[in-house]
Amino acid sequence: MAAKKTAKKSTDSLAAAPVPKKTAKVAAKAVARKAAATPAKPPLPRAGKTAASKVAAKPSPDAIARAAYLNYRRRVEQGLPGDTEGDWLAAERHFSGSGEL
């Protein structure tokens, strides 16, 4: 039992030691600098709005038509062969997720 009392006394003496004010200020500044240097984490996605649900949504016919028109303009400007049906199908493939134009 005597060993326990001496161990207790040694820990009490460490806990009761006063911390100099200068050391406390330096530690507080270091914590503040570390907090300022840590970048904020991006917010977590909501349960209803995941990337998979965005891909699964069917694009409107207007969106497909705009993409087909842009395909047509690029094809004509570059002098590539093709037709409007191919431009439309390429736009649909783009929206389906394959990303191929």
PDB file of N, CA and C in Angstrom:
ATOM      1  N   MET A   1       0.794  -1.182   0.000  1.00  0.00           N
ATOM      2  CA  MET A   1       0.000   0.000   0.000  1.00  0.00           C
ATOM      3  C   MET A   1       0.847   1.260   0.000  1.00  0.00           C
ATOM      4  N   ALA A   2       1.979   1.175   0.558  1.00  0.00           N
ATOM      5  CA  ALA A   2       2.845   2.343   0.631  1.00  0.00           C
ATOM      6  C   ALA A   2       3.262   2.787  -0.769  1.00  0.00           C
ATOM      7  N   ALA A   3       3.426   1.835  -1.687  1.00  0.00           N
ATOM      8  CA  ALA A   3       3.829   2.177  -3.044  1.00  0.00           C
ATOM      9  C   ALA A   3       2.734   2.967  -3.745  1.00  0.00           C
ATOM     10  N   LYS A   4       1.482   2.628  -3.488  1.00  0.00           N
ATOM     11  CA  LYS A   4       0.388   3.345  -4.117  1.00  0.00           C
ATOM     12  C   LYS A   4       0.333   4.791  -3.653  1.00  0.00           C
ATOM     13  N   LYS A   5       0.566   5.015  -2.381  1.00  0.00           N
ATOM     14  CA  LYS A   5       0.518   6.378  -1.857  1.00  0.00           C
ATOM     15  C   LYS A   5       1.620   7.232  -2.459  1.00  0.00           C
ATOM     16  N   THR A   6       2.810   6.665  -2.643  1.00  0.00           N
ATOM     17  CA  THR A   6       3.907   7.459  -3.203  1.00  0.00           C
ATOM     18  C   THR A   6       3.644   7.751  -4.677  1.00  0.00           C
ATOM     19  N   ALA A   7       3.050   6.784  -5.380  1.00  0.00           N
ATOM     20  CA  ALA A   7       2.727   7.022  -6.787  1.00  0.00           C
ATOM     21  C   ALA A   7       1.675   8.106  -6.895  1.00  0.00           C
ATOM     22  N   LYS A   8       0.707   8.100  -5.995  1.00  0.00           N
ATOM     23  CA  LYS A   8      -0.334   9.103  -6.030  1.00  0.00           C
ATOM     24  C   LYS A   8       0.227  10.485  -5.739  1.00  0.00           C
ATOM     25  N   LYS A   9       1.141  10.566  -4.812  1.00  0.00           N
ATOM     26  CA  LYS A   9       1.736  11.844  -4.476  1.00  0.00           C
ATOM     27  C   LYS A   9       2.524  12.400  -5.662  1.00  0.00           C
ATOM     28  N   SER A  10       3.209  11.531  -6.398  1.00  0.00           N
ATOM     29  CA  SER A  10       4.024  12.027  -7.505  1.00  0.00           C
ATOM     30  C   SER A  10       3.138  12.566  -8.632  1.00  0.00           C
ATOM     31  N   THR A  11       1.993  11.954  -8.897  1.00  0.00           N
ATOM     32  CA  THR A  11       1.117  12.461  -9.951  1.00  0.00           C
ATOM     33  C   THR A  11       0.417  13.732  -9.506  1.00  0.00           C
ATOM     34  N   ASP A  12       0.097  13.834  -8.223  1.00  0.00           N
ATOM     35  CA  ASP A  12      -0.535  15.045  -7.719  1.00  0.00           C
ATOM     36  C   ASP A  12       0.413  16.237  -7.833  1.00  0.00           C
ATOM     37  N   SER A  13       1.672  16.004  -7.600  1.00  0.00           N
ATOM     38  CA  SER A  13       2.627  17.109  -7.653  1.00  0.00           C
ATOM     39  C   SER A  13       2.800  17.599  -9.096  1.00  0.00           C
ATOM     40  N   LEU A  14       2.660  16.693 -10.078  1.00  0.00           N
ATOM     41  CA  LEU A  14       2.767  17.114 -11.475  1.00  0.00           C
ATOM     42  C   LEU A  14       1.529  17.892 -11.917  1.00  0.00           C
ATOM     43  N   ALA A  15       0.359  17.467 -11.469  1.00  0.00           N
ATOM     44  CA  ALA A  15      -0.872  18.122 -11.873  1.00  0.00           C
ATOM     45  C   ALA A  15      -0.998  19.496 -11.244  1.00  0.00           C
ATOM     46  N   ALA A  16      -0.431  19.676 -10.090  1.00  0.00           N
ATOM     47  CA  ALA A  16      -0.563  20.933  -9.380  1.00  0.00           C
ATOM     48  C   ALA A  16       0.479  21.956  -9.812  1.00  0.00           C
ATOM     49  N   ALA A  17       1.411  21.581 -10.678  1.00  0.00           N
ATOM     50  CA  ALA A  17       2.465  22.519 -11.077  1.00  0.00           C
ATOM     51  C   ALA A  17       1.863  23.624 -11.937  1.00  0.00           C
ATOM     52  N   PRO A  18       2.098  24.873 -11.601  1.00  0.00           N
ATOM     53  CA  PRO A  18       1.532  25.977 -12.386  1.00  0.00           C
ATOM     54  C   PRO A  18       2.235  26.106 -13.738  1.00  0.00           C
ATOM     55  N   VAL A  19       1.463  26.469 -14.749  1.00  0.00           N
ATOM     56  CA  VAL A  19       2.003  26.665 -16.086  1.00  0.00           C
ATOM     57  C   VAL A  19       2.294  28.151 -16.246  1.00  0.00           C
ATOM     58  N   PRO A  20       3.508  28.491 -16.652  1.00  0.00           N
ATOM     59  CA  PRO A  20       3.815  29.906 -16.834  1.00  0.00           C
ATOM     60  C   PRO A  20       2.890  30.519 -17.884  1.00  0.00           C
ATOM     61  N   LYS A  21       2.530  31.798 -17.714  1.00  0.00           N
ATOM     62  CA  LYS A  21       1.612  32.481 -18.618  1.00  0.00           C
ATOM     63  C   LYS A  21       2.181  32.539 -20.032  1.00  0.00           C
ATOM     64  N   LYS A  22       3.474  32.729 -20.153  1.00  0.00           N
ATOM     65  CA  LYS A  22       4.098  32.836 -21.462  1.00  0.00           C
ATOM     66  C   LYS A  22       3.949  31.531 -22.240  1.00  0.00           C
ATOM     67  N   THR A  23       4.131  30.393 -21.580  1.00  0.00           N
ATOM     68  CA  THR A  23       3.993  29.098 -22.237  1.00  0.00           C
ATOM     69  C   THR A  23       2.559  28.878 -22.690  1.00  0.00           C
ATOM     70  N   ALA A  24       1.591  29.275 -21.885  1.00  0.00           N
ATOM     71  CA  ALA A  24       0.186  29.109 -22.243  1.00  0.00           C
ATOM     72  C   ALA A  24      -0.160  29.949 -23.471  1.00  0.00           C
ATOM     73  N   LYS A  25       0.372  31.171 -23.576  1.00  0.00           N
ATOM     74  CA  LYS A  25       0.101  32.030 -24.732  1.00  0.00           C
ATOM     75  C   LYS A  25       0.698  31.446 -26.000  1.00  0.00           C
ATOM     76  N   VAL A  26       1.924  30.918 -25.889  1.00  0.00           N
ATOM     77  CA  VAL A  26       2.581  30.319 -27.047  1.00  0.00           C
ATOM     78  C   VAL A  26       1.793  29.109 -27.534  1.00  0.00           C
ATOM     79  N   ALA A  27       1.319  28.291 -26.597  1.00  0.00           N
ATOM     80  CA  ALA A  27       0.546  27.103 -26.964  1.00  0.00           C
ATOM     81  C   ALA A  27      -0.773  27.517 -27.621  1.00  0.00           C
ATOM     82  N   ALA A  28      -1.410  28.557 -27.108  1.00  0.00           N
ATOM     83  CA  ALA A  28      -2.676  29.018 -27.684  1.00  0.00           C
ATOM     84  C   ALA A  28      -2.468  29.536 -29.098  1.00  0.00           C
ATOM     85  N   LYS A  29      -1.377  30.245 -29.347  1.00  0.00           N
ATOM     86  CA  LYS A  29      -1.087  30.741 -30.688  1.00  0.00           C
ATOM     87  C   LYS A  29      -0.814  29.588 -31.649  1.00  0.00           C
ATOM     88  N   ALA A  30      -0.113  28.562 -31.184  1.00  0.00           N
ATOM     89  CA  ALA A  30       0.187  27.410 -32.036  1.00  0.00           C
ATOM     90  C   ALA A  30      -1.097  26.686 -32.424  1.00  0.00           C
ATOM     91  N   VAL A  31      -2.010  26.547 -31.495  1.00  0.00           N
ATOM     92  CA  VAL A  31      -3.285  25.898 -31.788  1.00  0.00           C
ATOM     93  C   VAL A  31      -4.078  26.735 -32.787  1.00  0.00           C
ATOM     94  N   ALA A  32      -4.065  28.061 -32.619  1.00  0.00           N
ATOM     95  CA  ALA A  32      -4.795  28.940 -33.531  1.00  0.00           C
ATOM     96  C   ALA A  32      -4.204  28.872 -34.942  1.00  0.00           C
ATOM     97  N   ARG A  33      -2.865  28.838 -35.047  1.00  0.00           N
ATOM     98  CA  ARG A  33      -2.228  28.743 -36.371  1.00  0.00           C
ATOM     99  C   ARG A  33      -2.566  27.424 -37.041  1.00  0.00           C
ATOM    100  N   LYS A  34      -2.567  26.347 -36.279  1.00  0.00           N
ATOM    101  CA  LYS A  34      -2.877  25.034 -36.851  1.00  0.00           C
ATOM    102  C   LYS A  34      -4.329  24.989 -37.333  1.00  0.00           C
ATOM    103  N   ALA A  35      -5.238  25.581 -36.564  1.00  0.00           N
ATOM    104  CA  ALA A  35      -6.646  25.600 -36.955  1.00  0.00           C
ATOM    105  C   ALA A  35      -6.834  26.439 -38.215  1.00  0.00           C
ATOM    106  N   ALA A  36      -6.106  27.544 -38.337  1.00  0.00           N
ATOM    107  CA  ALA A  36      -6.231  28.402 -39.518  1.00  0.00           C
ATOM    108  C   ALA A  36      -5.619  27.739 -40.747  1.00  0.00           C
ATOM    109  N   ALA A  37      -4.584  26.935 -40.559  1.00  0.00           N
ATOM    110  CA  ALA A  37      -3.905  26.300 -41.689  1.00  0.00           C
ATOM    111  C   ALA A  37      -4.651  25.061 -42.181  1.00  0.00           C
ATOM    112  N   THR A  38      -5.513  24.491 -41.350  1.00  0.00           N
ATOM    113  CA  THR A  38      -6.247  23.292 -41.739  1.00  0.00           C
ATOM    114  C   THR A  38      -7.380  23.693 -42.678  1.00  0.00           C
ATOM    115  N   PRO A  39      -7.416  23.141 -43.907  1.00  0.00           N
ATOM    116  CA  PRO A  39      -8.491  23.503 -44.827  1.00  0.00           C
ATOM    117  C   PRO A  39      -9.826  22.922 -44.364  1.00  0.00           C
ATOM    118  N   ALA A  40     -10.888  23.632 -44.677  1.00  0.00           N
ATOM    119  CA  ALA A  40     -12.222  23.166 -44.300  1.00  0.00           C
ATOM    120  C   ALA A  40     -12.599  21.961 -45.158  1.00  0.00           C
ATOM    121  N   LYS A  41     -13.256  21.010 -44.559  1.00  0.00           N
ATOM    122  CA  LYS A  41     -13.676  19.817 -45.291  1.00  0.00           C
ATOM    123  C   LYS A  41     -14.903  20.163 -46.129  1.00  0.00           C
ATOM    124  N   PRO A  42     -14.981  19.629 -47.349  1.00  0.00           N
ATOM    125  CA  PRO A  42     -16.170  19.900 -48.160  1.00  0.00           C
ATOM    126  C   PRO A  42     -17.391  19.235 -47.540  1.00  0.00           C
ATOM    127  N   PRO A  43     -18.570  19.812 -47.737  1.00  0.00           N
ATOM    128  CA  PRO A  43     -19.760  19.209 -47.141  1.00  0.00           C
ATOM    129  C   PRO A  43     -20.060  17.850 -47.760  1.00  0.00           C
ATOM    130  N   LEU A  44     -20.615  16.982 -46.957  1.00  0.00           N
ATOM    131  CA  LEU A  44     -20.974  15.654 -47.441  1.00  0.00           C
ATOM    132  C   LEU A  44     -22.206  15.759 -48.332  1.00  0.00           C
ATOM    133  N   PRO A  45     -22.273  14.913 -49.375  1.00  0.00           N
ATOM    134  CA  PRO A  45     -23.445  14.976 -50.249  1.00  0.00           C
ATOM    135  C   PRO A  45     -24.691  14.534 -49.507  1.00  0.00           C
ATOM    136  N   ARG A  46     -25.815  15.126 -49.873  1.00  0.00           N
ATOM    137  CA  ARG A  46     -27.079  14.753 -49.253  1.00  0.00           C
ATOM    138  C   ARG A  46     -27.513  13.387 -49.756  1.00  0.00           C
ATOM    139  N   ALA A  47     -28.335  12.738 -48.983  1.00  0.00           N
ATOM    140  CA  ALA A  47     -28.754  11.379 -49.320  1.00  0.00           C
ATOM    141  C   ALA A  47     -29.550  11.346 -50.622  1.00  0.00           C
ATOM    142  N   GLY A  48     -30.361  12.361 -50.900  1.00  0.00           N
ATOM    143  CA  GLY A  48     -31.200  12.348 -52.077  1.00  0.00           C
ATOM    144  C   GLY A  48     -30.490  12.785 -53.343  1.00  0.00           C
ATOM    145  N   LYS A  49     -29.357  13.453 -53.237  1.00  0.00           N
ATOM    146  CA  LYS A  49     -28.686  13.992 -54.416  1.00  0.00           C
ATOM    147  C   LYS A  49     -27.310  13.363 -54.576  1.00  0.00           C
ATOM    148  N   THR A  50     -27.263  12.174 -55.101  1.00  0.00           N
ATOM    149  CA  THR A  50     -25.993  11.510 -55.330  1.00  0.00           C
ATOM    150  C   THR A  50     -25.637  11.606 -56.794  1.00  0.00           C
ATOM    151  N   ALA A  51     -24.397  11.336 -57.119  1.00  0.00           N
ATOM    152  CA  ALA A  51     -23.937  11.387 -58.502  1.00  0.00           C
ATOM    153  C   ALA A  51     -24.662  10.347 -59.352  1.00  0.00           C
ATOM    154  N   ALA A  52     -24.990   9.206 -58.774  1.00  0.00           N
ATOM    155  CA  ALA A  52     -25.662   8.159 -59.531  1.00  0.00           C
ATOM    156  C   ALA A  52     -27.067   8.585 -59.937  1.00  0.00           C
ATOM    157  N   SER A  53     -27.745   9.328 -59.072  1.00  0.00           N
ATOM    158  CA  SER A  53     -29.101   9.757 -59.418  1.00  0.00           C
ATOM    159  C   SER A  53     -29.078  10.810 -60.509  1.00  0.00           C
ATOM    160  N   LYS A  54     -28.023  11.621 -60.579  1.00  0.00           N
ATOM    161  CA  LYS A  54     -27.921  12.622 -61.636  1.00  0.00           C
ATOM    162  C   LYS A  54     -27.699  11.968 -62.987  1.00  0.00           C
ATOM    163  N   VAL A  55     -26.921  10.896 -63.036  1.00  0.00           N
ATOM    164  CA  VAL A  55     -26.659  10.198 -64.294  1.00  0.00           C
ATOM    165  C   VAL A  55     -27.905   9.471 -64.764  1.00  0.00           C
ATOM    166  N   ALA A  56     -28.700   8.956 -63.832  1.00  0.00           N
ATOM    167  CA  ALA A  56     -29.866   8.158 -64.185  1.00  0.00           C
ATOM    168  C   ALA A  56     -30.997   9.026 -64.743  1.00  0.00           C
ATOM    169  N   ALA A  57     -30.977  10.348 -64.497  1.00  0.00           N
ATOM    170  CA  ALA A  57     -32.043  11.208 -64.980  1.00  0.00           C
ATOM    171  C   ALA A  57     -31.982  11.313 -66.502  1.00  0.00           C
ATOM    172  N   LYS A  58     -33.150  11.254 -67.129  1.00  0.00           N
ATOM    173  CA  LYS A  58     -33.225  11.317 -68.583  1.00  0.00           C
ATOM    174  C   LYS A  58     -33.158  12.783 -69.018  1.00  0.00           C
ATOM    175  N   PRO A  59     -32.294  13.113 -69.971  1.00  0.00           N
ATOM    176  CA  PRO A  59     -32.195  14.508 -70.418  1.00  0.00           C
ATOM    177  C   PRO A  59     -33.423  14.896 -71.237  1.00  0.00           C
ATOM    178  N   SER A  60     -33.717  16.174 -71.241  1.00  0.00           N
ATOM    179  CA  SER A  60     -34.858  16.650 -72.010  1.00  0.00           C
ATOM    180  C   SER A  60     -34.533  16.612 -73.505  1.00  0.00           C
ATOM    181  N   PRO A  61     -35.547  16.549 -74.350  1.00  0.00           N
ATOM    182  CA  PRO A  61     -35.301  16.575 -75.802  1.00  0.00           C
ATOM    183  C   PRO A  61     -34.611  17.866 -76.247  1.00  0.00           C
ATOM    184  N   ASP A  62     -34.894  18.965 -75.544  1.00  0.00           N
ATOM    185  CA  ASP A  62     -34.226  20.230 -75.887  1.00  0.00           C
ATOM    186  C   ASP A  62     -32.725  20.148 -75.628  1.00  0.00           C
ATOM    187  N   ALA A  63     -32.335  19.511 -74.518  1.00  0.00           N
ATOM    188  CA  ALA A  63     -30.915  19.376 -74.212  1.00  0.00           C
ATOM    189  C   ALA A  63     -30.218  18.509 -75.249  1.00  0.00           C
ATOM    190  N   ILE A  64     -30.874  17.451 -75.670  1.00  0.00           N
ATOM    191  CA  ILE A  64     -30.299  16.575 -76.702  1.00  0.00           C
ATOM    192  C   ILE A  64     -30.193  17.337 -78.020  1.00  0.00           C
ATOM    193  N   ALA A  65     -31.228  18.134 -78.335  1.00  0.00           N
ATOM    194  CA  ALA A  65     -31.221  18.908 -79.583  1.00  0.00           C
ATOM    195  C   ALA A  65     -30.081  19.923 -79.591  1.00  0.00           C
ATOM    196  N   ARG A  66     -29.842  20.597 -78.452  1.00  0.00           N
ATOM    197  CA  ARG A  66     -28.726  21.560 -78.384  1.00  0.00           C
ATOM    198  C   ARG A  66     -27.394  20.850 -78.575  1.00  0.00           C
ATOM    199  N   ALA A  67     -27.232  19.697 -77.925  1.00  0.00           N
ATOM    200  CA  ALA A  67     -25.979  18.955 -78.060  1.00  0.00           C
ATOM    201  C   ALA A  67     -25.802  18.456 -79.491  1.00  0.00           C
ATOM    202  N   ALA A  68     -26.896  18.032 -80.138  1.00  0.00           N
ATOM    203  CA  ALA A  68     -26.815  17.578 -81.531  1.00  0.00           C
ATOM    204  C   ALA A  68     -26.425  18.734 -82.445  1.00  0.00           C
ATOM    205  N   TYR A  69     -26.968  19.919 -82.172  1.00  0.00           N
ATOM    206  CA  TYR A  69     -26.621  21.097 -82.973  1.00  0.00           C
ATOM    207  C   TYR A  69     -25.136  21.427 -82.816  1.00  0.00           C
ATOM    208  N   LEU A  70     -24.638  21.357 -81.586  1.00  0.00           N
ATOM    209  CA  LEU A  70     -23.212  21.629 -81.365  1.00  0.00           C
ATOM    210  C   LEU A  70     -22.346  20.581 -82.058  1.00  0.00           C
ATOM    211  N   ASN A  71     -22.804  19.327 -82.055  1.00  0.00           N
ATOM    212  CA  ASN A  71     -22.073  18.281 -82.788  1.00  0.00           C
ATOM    213  C   ASN A  71     -22.040  18.600 -84.279  1.00  0.00           C
ATOM    214  N   TYR A  72     -23.198  19.046 -84.805  1.00  0.00           N
ATOM    215  CA  TYR A  72     -23.299  19.404 -86.221  1.00  0.00           C
ATOM    216  C   TYR A  72     -22.344  20.550 -86.557  1.00  0.00           C
ATOM    217  N   ARG A  73     -22.350  21.603 -85.711  1.00  0.00           N
ATOM    218  CA  ARG A  73     -21.477  22.764 -85.970  1.00  0.00           C
ATOM    219  C   ARG A  73     -20.003  22.363 -85.953  1.00  0.00           C
ATOM    220  N   ARG A  74     -19.610  21.551 -84.986  1.00  0.00           N
ATOM    221  CA  ARG A  74     -18.216  21.109 -84.903  1.00  0.00           C
ATOM    222  C   ARG A  74     -17.846  20.266 -86.128  1.00  0.00           C
ATOM    223  N   ARG A  75     -18.771  19.402 -86.535  1.00  0.00           N
ATOM    224  CA  ARG A  75     -18.514  18.533 -87.688  1.00  0.00           C
ATOM    225  C   ARG A  75     -18.361  19.351 -88.966  1.00  0.00           C
ATOM    226  N   VAL A  76     -19.205  20.345 -89.168  1.00  0.00           N
ATOM    227  CA  VAL A  76     -19.140  21.178 -90.371  1.00  0.00           C
ATOM    228  C   VAL A  76     -17.868  22.027 -90.373  1.00  0.00           C
ATOM    229  N   GLU A  77     -17.538  22.636 -89.225  1.00  0.00           N
ATOM    230  CA  GLU A  77     -16.348  23.484 -89.136  1.00  0.00           C
ATOM    231  C   GLU A  77     -15.073  22.693 -89.389  1.00  0.00           C
ATOM    232  N   GLN A  78     -15.053  21.445 -88.980  1.00  0.00           N
ATOM    233  CA  GLN A  78     -13.863  20.621 -89.180  1.00  0.00           C
ATOM    234  C   GLN A  78     -13.878  19.887 -90.512  1.00  0.00           C
ATOM    235  N   GLY A  79     -14.969  20.008 -91.257  1.00  0.00           N
ATOM    236  CA  GLY A  79     -15.064  19.371 -92.558  1.00  0.00           C
ATOM    237  C   GLY A  79     -15.180  17.856 -92.487  1.00  0.00           C
ATOM    238  N   LEU A  80     -15.778  17.348 -91.438  1.00  0.00           N
ATOM    239  CA  LEU A  80     -15.922  15.901 -91.269  1.00  0.00           C
ATOM    240  C   LEU A  80     -17.199  15.413 -91.946  1.00  0.00           C
ATOM    241  N   PRO A  81     -17.204  14.189 -92.460  1.00  0.00           N
ATOM    242  CA  PRO A  81     -18.426  13.659 -93.068  1.00  0.00           C
ATOM    243  C   PRO A  81     -19.421  13.251 -91.983  1.00  0.00           C
ATOM    244  N   GLY A  82     -20.687  13.203 -92.344  1.00  0.00           N
ATOM    245  CA  GLY A  82     -21.711  12.771 -91.397  1.00  0.00           C
ATOM    246  C   GLY A  82     -23.055  13.331 -91.765  1.00  0.00           C
ATOM    247  N   ASP A  83     -24.055  13.042 -90.916  1.00  0.00           N
ATOM    248  CA  ASP A  83     -25.395  13.555 -91.151  1.00  0.00           C
ATOM    249  C   ASP A  83     -26.028  13.951 -89.821  1.00  0.00           C
ATOM    250  N   THR A  84     -27.221  14.545 -89.898  1.00  0.00           N
ATOM    251  CA  THR A  84     -27.881  15.032 -88.691  1.00  0.00           C
ATOM    252  C   THR A  84     -28.296  13.898 -87.763  1.00  0.00           C
ATOM    253  N   GLU A  85     -28.641  12.747 -88.340  1.00  0.00           N
ATOM    254  CA  GLU A  85     -29.016  11.611 -87.506  1.00  0.00           C
ATOM    255  C   GLU A  85     -27.827  11.146 -86.658  1.00  0.00           C
ATOM    256  N   GLY A  86     -26.658  11.126 -87.248  1.00  0.00           N
ATOM    257  CA  GLY A  86     -25.454  10.755 -86.507  1.00  0.00           C
ATOM    258  C   GLY A  86     -25.136  11.756 -85.410  1.00  0.00           C
ATOM    259  N   ASP A  87     -25.390  13.056 -85.690  1.00  0.00           N
ATOM    260  CA  ASP A  87     -25.176  14.081 -84.662  1.00  0.00           C
ATOM    261  C   ASP A  87     -26.121  13.865 -83.479  1.00  0.00           C
ATOM    262  N   TRP A  88     -27.379  13.518 -83.795  1.00  0.00           N
ATOM    263  CA  TRP A  88     -28.362  13.292 -82.737  1.00  0.00           C
ATOM    264  C   TRP A  88     -27.984  12.064 -81.903  1.00  0.00           C
ATOM    265  N   LEU A  89     -27.597  10.985 -82.570  1.00  0.00           N
ATOM    266  CA  LEU A  89     -27.228   9.767 -81.844  1.00  0.00           C
ATOM    267  C   LEU A  89     -25.991   9.986 -80.975  1.00  0.00           C
ATOM    268  N   ALA A  90     -25.049  10.778 -81.486  1.00  0.00           N
ATOM    269  CA  ALA A  90     -23.854  11.086 -80.688  1.00  0.00           C
ATOM    270  C   ALA A  90     -24.232  11.898 -79.450  1.00  0.00           C
ATOM    271  N   ALA A  91     -25.196  12.809 -79.586  1.00  0.00           N
ATOM    272  CA  ALA A  91     -25.653  13.601 -78.435  1.00  0.00           C
ATOM    273  C   ALA A  91     -26.329  12.698 -77.413  1.00  0.00           C
ATOM    274  N   GLU A  92     -27.136  11.745 -77.869  1.00  0.00           N
ATOM    275  CA  GLU A  92     -27.784  10.814 -76.940  1.00  0.00           C
ATOM    276  C   GLU A  92     -26.759   9.941 -76.223  1.00  0.00           C
ATOM    277  N   ARG A  93     -25.738   9.499 -76.963  1.00  0.00           N
ATOM    278  CA  ARG A  93     -24.668   8.704 -76.328  1.00  0.00           C
ATOM    279  C   ARG A  93     -23.957   9.523 -75.265  1.00  0.00           C
ATOM    280  N   HIS A  94     -23.747  10.802 -75.554  1.00  0.00           N
ATOM    281  CA  HIS A  94     -23.085  11.682 -74.584  1.00  0.00           C
ATOM    282  C   HIS A  94     -23.878  11.758 -73.288  1.00  0.00           C
ATOM    283  N   PHE A  95     -25.197  11.904 -73.396  1.00  0.00           N
ATOM    284  CA  PHE A  95     -26.034  12.009 -72.213  1.00  0.00           C
ATOM    285  C   PHE A  95     -26.257  10.674 -71.509  1.00  0.00           C
ATOM    286  N   SER A  96     -26.080   9.582 -72.215  1.00  0.00           N
ATOM    287  CA  SER A  96     -26.309   8.278 -71.590  1.00  0.00           C
ATOM    288  C   SER A  96     -25.191   7.902 -70.633  1.00  0.00           C
ATOM    289  N   GLY A  97     -24.062   8.595 -70.714  1.00  0.00           N
ATOM    290  CA  GLY A  97     -22.985   8.341 -69.766  1.00  0.00           C
ATOM    291  C   GLY A  97     -21.737   7.763 -70.393  1.00  0.00           C
ATOM    292  N   SER A  98     -21.802   7.357 -71.653  1.00  0.00           N
ATOM    293  CA  SER A  98     -20.597   6.806 -72.267  1.00  0.00           C
ATOM    294  C   SER A  98     -19.598   7.907 -72.571  1.00  0.00           C
ATOM    295  N   GLY A  99     -20.077   9.157 -72.705  1.00  0.00           N
ATOM    296  CA  GLY A  99     -19.185  10.281 -72.937  1.00  0.00           C
ATOM    297  C   GLY A  99     -18.591  10.339 -74.307  1.00  0.00           C
ATOM    298  N   GLU A 100     -18.916   9.403 -75.171  1.00  0.00           N
ATOM    299  CA  GLU A 100     -18.355   9.360 -76.508  1.00  0.00           C
ATOM    300  C   GLU A 100     -19.155  10.283 -77.411  1.00  0.00           C
ATOM    301  N   LEU A 101     -18.458  11.109 -78.173  1.00  0.00           N
ATOM    302  CA  LEU A 101     -19.151  12.008 -79.100  1.00  0.00           C
ATOM    303  C   LEU A 101     -18.953  11.531 -80.469  1.00  0.00           C
TER     304      LEU A 101
END
